């Protein structure tokens, strides 16, 4: 039987989002909720409540971490963000 490798998903929590966006806790949770909804609407699972995958957050906010990680790859798992509305 072959062993399957499990990849750990890096997540941001509310405190991380608050620091990065310079916002209050309520706004951070709204951002996380909106991003999780986008993932779920596109058929992806976001299993941990109150947290968001680092890669998706970084992509949506144009953070350097995302750009560096995917500079030479054509990953577009979550579609274009140009037409998305934020309901904060």
C-alpha atoms as a PDB file:
ATOM      1  CA  UNK A   1       0.000   0.000   0.000  1.00  0.00           C
ATOM      2  CA  UNK A   2       1.293   3.448  -0.922  1.00  0.00           C
ATOM      3  CA  UNK A   3       1.578   6.197   1.650  1.00  0.00           C
ATOM      4  CA  UNK A   4      -0.157   9.425   0.753  1.00  0.00           C
ATOM      5  CA  UNK A   5       1.452  12.702   1.692  1.00  0.00           C
ATOM      6  CA  UNK A   6      -0.741  15.147   3.537  1.00  0.00           C
ATOM      7  CA  UNK A   7      -0.042  18.776   2.788  1.00  0.00           C
ATOM      8  CA  UNK A   8      -0.648  21.199   5.612  1.00  0.00           C
ATOM      9  CA  UNK A   9      -2.639  24.267   4.572  1.00  0.00           C
ATOM     10  CA  UNK A  10      -1.307  27.501   5.982  1.00  0.00           C
ATOM     11  CA  UNK A  11      -4.054  29.704   7.392  1.00  0.00           C
ATOM     12  CA  UNK A  12      -4.516  33.256   8.622  1.00  0.00           C
ATOM     13  CA  UNK A  13      -6.721  33.847  11.636  1.00  0.00           C
ATOM     14  CA  UNK A  14      -8.594  36.961  12.719  1.00  0.00           C
ATOM     15  CA  UNK A  15      -5.572  38.443  14.516  1.00  0.00           C
ATOM     16  CA  UNK A  16      -3.421  38.066  11.384  1.00  0.00           C
ATOM     17  CA  UNK A  17      -6.035  39.769   9.205  1.00  0.00           C
ATOM     18  CA  UNK A  18      -6.433  42.587  11.750  1.00  0.00           C
ATOM     19  CA  UNK A  19      -2.685  43.283  11.682  1.00  0.00           C
ATOM     20  CA  UNK A  20      -2.362  43.129   7.896  1.00  0.00           C
ATOM     21  CA  UNK A  21      -5.400  45.284   7.145  1.00  0.00           C
ATOM     22  CA  UNK A  22      -5.175  47.547  10.175  1.00  0.00           C
ATOM     23  CA  UNK A  23      -8.813  46.921  11.002  1.00  0.00           C
ATOM     24  CA  UNK A  24     -10.921  45.935  13.966  1.00  0.00           C
ATOM     25  CA  UNK A  25     -11.931  42.383  14.836  1.00  0.00           C
ATOM     26  CA  UNK A  26     -15.440  42.699  13.390  1.00  0.00           C
ATOM     27  CA  UNK A  27     -14.120  43.823  10.007  1.00  0.00           C
ATOM     28  CA  UNK A  28     -11.470  41.087   9.979  1.00  0.00           C
ATOM     29  CA  UNK A  29     -14.128  38.432  10.568  1.00  0.00           C
ATOM     30  CA  UNK A  30     -16.271  39.936   7.787  1.00  0.00           C
ATOM     31  CA  UNK A  31     -13.327  39.756   5.369  1.00  0.00           C
ATOM     32  CA  UNK A  32     -12.646  36.137   6.338  1.00  0.00           C
ATOM     33  CA  UNK A  33     -16.328  35.267   5.952  1.00  0.00           C
ATOM     34  CA  UNK A  34     -16.488  36.903   2.497  1.00  0.00           C
ATOM     35  CA  UNK A  35     -13.351  35.134   1.278  1.00  0.00           C
ATOM     36  CA  UNK A  36     -14.579  31.783   2.593  1.00  0.00           C
ATOM     37  CA  UNK A  37     -17.900  32.336   0.810  1.00  0.00           C
ATOM     38  CA  UNK A  38     -16.063  33.056  -2.459  1.00  0.00           C
ATOM     39  CA  UNK A  39     -14.137  29.804  -2.107  1.00  0.00           C
ATOM     40  CA  UNK A  40     -17.276  27.813  -1.331  1.00  0.00           C
ATOM     41  CA  UNK A  41     -19.194  29.448  -4.209  1.00  0.00           C
ATOM     42  CA  UNK A  42     -16.414  28.259  -6.527  1.00  0.00           C
ATOM     43  CA  UNK A  43     -16.628  24.694  -5.233  1.00  0.00           C
ATOM     44  CA  UNK A  44     -13.696  24.792  -2.815  1.00  0.00           C
ATOM     45  CA  UNK A  45     -13.864  23.753   0.812  1.00  0.00           C
ATOM     46  CA  UNK A  46     -12.738  26.060   3.560  1.00  0.00           C
ATOM     47  CA  UNK A  47     -12.939  23.763   6.550  1.00  0.00           C
ATOM     48  CA  UNK A  48     -11.827  25.873   9.521  1.00  0.00           C
ATOM     49  CA  UNK A  49     -14.257  28.571  10.661  1.00  0.00           C
ATOM     50  CA  UNK A  50     -12.677  31.929  11.446  1.00  0.00           C
ATOM     51  CA  UNK A  51      -9.616  31.265   9.289  1.00  0.00           C
ATOM     52  CA  UNK A  52      -8.720  31.706   5.627  1.00  0.00           C
ATOM     53  CA  UNK A  53      -6.055  30.053   3.485  1.00  0.00           C
ATOM     54  CA  UNK A  54      -2.952  32.249   3.244  1.00  0.00           C
ATOM     55  CA  UNK A  55      -2.589  31.696  -0.491  1.00  0.00           C
ATOM     56  CA  UNK A  56      -6.143  32.858  -1.242  1.00  0.00           C
ATOM     57  CA  UNK A  57      -5.982  35.865   1.082  1.00  0.00           C
ATOM     58  CA  UNK A  58      -2.613  36.910  -0.371  1.00  0.00           C
ATOM     59  CA  UNK A  59      -3.922  36.538  -3.911  1.00  0.00           C
ATOM     60  CA  UNK A  60      -7.095  38.563  -3.281  1.00  0.00           C
ATOM     61  CA  UNK A  61      -5.211  41.368  -1.552  1.00  0.00           C
ATOM     62  CA  UNK A  62      -2.286  41.384  -3.998  1.00  0.00           C
ATOM     63  CA  UNK A  63       0.201  40.605  -1.260  1.00  0.00           C
ATOM     64  CA  UNK A  64       3.844  40.020  -2.137  1.00  0.00           C
ATOM     65  CA  UNK A  65       3.846  36.533  -0.611  1.00  0.00           C
ATOM     66  CA  UNK A  66       1.377  35.363  -3.241  1.00  0.00           C
ATOM     67  CA  UNK A  67       3.206  37.043  -6.103  1.00  0.00           C
ATOM     68  CA  UNK A  68       6.551  35.545  -5.070  1.00  0.00           C
ATOM     69  CA  UNK A  69       5.141  32.054  -4.576  1.00  0.00           C
ATOM     70  CA  UNK A  70       3.341  31.960  -7.917  1.00  0.00           C
ATOM     71  CA  UNK A  71       5.501  34.217 -10.074  1.00  0.00           C
ATOM     72  CA  UNK A  72       6.503  31.436 -12.476  1.00  0.00           C
ATOM     73  CA  UNK A  73       3.301  29.427 -12.273  1.00  0.00           C
ATOM     74  CA  UNK A  74      -0.074  29.984 -13.871  1.00  0.00           C
ATOM     75  CA  UNK A  75      -2.273  29.087 -10.878  1.00  0.00           C
ATOM     76  CA  UNK A  76      -5.687  30.647 -11.157  1.00  0.00           C
ATOM     77  CA  UNK A  77      -7.777  28.346  -9.032  1.00  0.00           C
ATOM     78  CA  UNK A  78     -10.159  31.020  -7.857  1.00  0.00           C
ATOM     79  CA  UNK A  79     -10.987  32.973 -11.014  1.00  0.00           C
ATOM     80  CA  UNK A  80     -10.622  36.656 -11.683  1.00  0.00           C
ATOM     81  CA  UNK A  81     -11.069  39.037  -8.789  1.00  0.00           C
ATOM     82  CA  UNK A  82     -11.700  42.077 -10.985  1.00  0.00           C
ATOM     83  CA  UNK A  83     -15.482  41.832 -10.839  1.00  0.00           C
ATOM     84  CA  UNK A  84     -15.900  40.807  -7.208  1.00  0.00           C
ATOM     85  CA  UNK A  85     -17.720  43.124  -4.816  1.00  0.00           C
ATOM     86  CA  UNK A  86     -16.851  43.370  -1.167  1.00  0.00           C
ATOM     87  CA  UNK A  87     -19.866  43.435   1.123  1.00  0.00           C
ATOM     88  CA  UNK A  88     -18.177  44.641   4.266  1.00  0.00           C
END
